[in-house]
Amino acid sequence: MDLQDISSITNERFKITKKETKVRDTINDVINSCRLHAEKKRQQIKLVFEDNIPKILKFDPARLQQIINNLMSNAIKFSQEN
């Protein structure tokens, strides 16, 4: 979540757009965008999906991407180089 999101929430203009989306594709896109940064720190990213994760869910893909990107960025930033 960024400052614009916080401002939207406080002004009650925050909207979540739910649509049927492929979960794995959404997550893979974010992970792939983080790989270069991780490789620069000599880190590896391994992504494993459990078989019971649905292929399609109804959610806001932009928000999920934002959340995962924040988590990955922090994990890379605060992990030691290999």
C-alpha atoms as a PDB file:
ATOM      1  CA  MET A   1       0.000   0.000   0.000  1.00  0.00           C
ATOM      2  CA  ASP A   2       1.359   3.396  -0.871  1.00  0.00           C
ATOM      3  CA  LEU A   3       0.568   6.955   0.243  1.00  0.00           C
ATOM      4  CA  GLN A   4      -2.000   7.397  -2.500  1.00  0.00           C
ATOM      5  CA  ASP A   5      -3.843   4.294  -1.277  1.00  0.00           C
ATOM      6  CA  ILE A   6      -3.804   5.563   2.302  1.00  0.00           C
ATOM      7  CA  SER A   7      -5.129   8.919   1.151  1.00  0.00           C
ATOM      8  CA  SER A   8      -7.899   7.171  -0.800  1.00  0.00           C
ATOM      9  CA  ILE A   9      -8.859   5.077   2.226  1.00  0.00           C
ATOM     10  CA  THR A  10      -9.066   8.089   4.509  1.00  0.00           C
ATOM     11  CA  ASN A  11     -11.182   9.896   1.907  1.00  0.00           C
ATOM     12  CA  GLU A  12     -13.332   6.758   1.382  1.00  0.00           C
ATOM     13  CA  ARG A  13     -12.411   6.495  -2.319  1.00  0.00           C
ATOM     14  CA  PHE A  14     -10.448   3.253  -2.076  1.00  0.00           C
ATOM     15  CA  LYS A  15     -11.835   0.693  -4.497  1.00  0.00           C
ATOM     16  CA  ILE A  16     -10.999  -2.944  -4.831  1.00  0.00           C
ATOM     17  CA  THR A  17     -11.668  -4.388  -8.247  1.00  0.00           C
ATOM     18  CA  LYS A  18     -12.519  -8.067  -8.095  1.00  0.00           C
ATOM     19  CA  LYS A  19     -12.241 -10.134 -11.222  1.00  0.00           C
ATOM     20  CA  GLU A  20     -11.616 -13.753 -12.032  1.00  0.00           C
ATOM     21  CA  THR A  21      -7.884 -14.092 -12.471  1.00  0.00           C
ATOM     22  CA  LYS A  22      -5.295 -16.837 -12.688  1.00  0.00           C
ATOM     23  CA  VAL A  23      -3.611 -16.831  -9.295  1.00  0.00           C
ATOM     24  CA  ARG A  24      -0.409 -18.528 -10.393  1.00  0.00           C
ATOM     25  CA  ASP A  25       0.103 -16.184 -13.348  1.00  0.00           C
ATOM     26  CA  THR A  26      -0.364 -13.134 -11.144  1.00  0.00           C
ATOM     27  CA  ILE A  27       2.136 -14.385  -8.579  1.00  0.00           C
ATOM     28  CA  ASN A  28       4.602 -15.568 -11.238  1.00  0.00           C
ATOM     29  CA  ASP A  29       4.608 -12.119 -12.864  1.00  0.00           C
ATOM     30  CA  VAL A  30       5.642 -10.466  -9.609  1.00  0.00           C
ATOM     31  CA  ILE A  31       8.233 -13.098  -8.753  1.00  0.00           C
ATOM     32  CA  ASN A  32       9.791 -12.834 -12.200  1.00  0.00           C
ATOM     33  CA  SER A  33      10.034  -9.066 -11.865  1.00  0.00           C
ATOM     34  CA  CYS A  34      11.935  -9.531  -8.561  1.00  0.00           C
ATOM     35  CA  ARG A  35      14.424 -12.106  -9.863  1.00  0.00           C
ATOM     36  CA  LEU A  36      16.943  -9.630 -11.285  1.00  0.00           C
ATOM     37  CA  HIS A  37      17.151  -7.726  -8.002  1.00  0.00           C
ATOM     38  CA  ALA A  38      17.592 -10.997  -6.097  1.00  0.00           C
ATOM     39  CA  GLU A  39      20.278 -12.228  -8.493  1.00  0.00           C
ATOM     40  CA  LYS A  40      22.241  -9.009  -7.980  1.00  0.00           C
ATOM     41  CA  LYS A  41      22.423  -9.953  -4.296  1.00  0.00           C
ATOM     42  CA  ARG A  42      23.298 -13.541  -5.243  1.00  0.00           C
ATOM     43  CA  GLN A  43      19.968 -14.802  -3.951  1.00  0.00           C
ATOM     44  CA  GLN A  44      17.669 -17.330  -5.542  1.00  0.00           C
ATOM     45  CA  ILE A  45      13.905 -17.268  -5.625  1.00  0.00           C
ATOM     46  CA  LYS A  46      12.128 -20.590  -5.679  1.00  0.00           C
ATOM     47  CA  LEU A  47       8.389 -20.594  -6.196  1.00  0.00           C
ATOM     48  CA  VAL A  48       6.388 -23.719  -5.401  1.00  0.00           C
ATOM     49  CA  PHE A  49       2.626 -23.986  -5.639  1.00  0.00           C
ATOM     50  CA  GLU A  50       0.690 -26.586  -3.709  1.00  0.00           C
ATOM     51  CA  ASP A  51      -1.639 -28.694  -5.853  1.00  0.00           C
ATOM     52  CA  ASN A  52      -4.707 -27.612  -3.889  1.00  0.00           C
ATOM     53  CA  ILE A  53      -4.400 -23.914  -4.835  1.00  0.00           C
ATOM     54  CA  PRO A  54      -7.249 -23.035  -7.211  1.00  0.00           C
ATOM     55  CA  LYS A  55      -6.211 -22.030 -10.714  1.00  0.00           C
ATOM     56  CA  ILE A  56      -8.671 -19.132 -10.891  1.00  0.00           C
ATOM     57  CA  LEU A  57     -10.001 -16.959  -8.076  1.00  0.00           C
ATOM     58  CA  LYS A  58     -11.936 -13.721  -7.907  1.00  0.00           C
ATOM     59  CA  PHE A  59      -9.661 -11.003  -6.479  1.00  0.00           C
ATOM     60  CA  ASP A  60      -8.010  -7.682  -7.222  1.00  0.00           C
ATOM     61  CA  PRO A  61      -4.868  -8.645  -9.167  1.00  0.00           C
ATOM     62  CA  ALA A  62      -3.267  -5.210  -8.830  1.00  0.00           C
ATOM     63  CA  ARG A  63      -3.555  -5.316  -5.024  1.00  0.00           C
ATOM     64  CA  LEU A  64      -2.239  -8.879  -4.830  1.00  0.00           C
ATOM     65  CA  GLN A  65       0.705  -7.908  -7.040  1.00  0.00           C
ATOM     66  CA  GLN A  66       1.375  -4.894  -4.839  1.00  0.00           C
ATOM     67  CA  ILE A  67       1.318  -6.986  -1.658  1.00  0.00           C
ATOM     68  CA  ILE A  68       3.576  -9.712  -3.027  1.00  0.00           C
ATOM     69  CA  ASN A  69       5.949  -7.177  -4.534  1.00  0.00           C
ATOM     70  CA  ASN A  70       6.275  -5.426  -1.154  1.00  0.00           C
ATOM     71  CA  LEU A  71       6.911  -8.738   0.626  1.00  0.00           C
ATOM     72  CA  MET A  72       9.466  -9.866  -1.950  1.00  0.00           C
ATOM     73  CA  SER A  73      11.244  -6.511  -1.998  1.00  0.00           C
ATOM     74  CA  ASN A  74      11.580  -6.572   1.782  1.00  0.00           C
ATOM     75  CA  ALA A  75      12.717 -10.197   1.795  1.00  0.00           C
ATOM     76  CA  ILE A  76      15.413  -9.434  -0.774  1.00  0.00           C
ATOM     77  CA  LYS A  77      16.445  -6.193   0.896  1.00  0.00           C
ATOM     78  CA  PHE A  78      16.767  -7.617   4.390  1.00  0.00           C
ATOM     79  CA  SER A  79      18.279 -11.016   3.504  1.00  0.00           C
ATOM     80  CA  GLN A  80      21.997 -11.537   3.465  1.00  0.00           C
ATOM     81  CA  GLU A  81      23.851 -12.276   0.257  1.00  0.00           C
ATOM     82  CA  ASN A  82      24.757 -15.905  -0.356  1.00  0.00           C
END
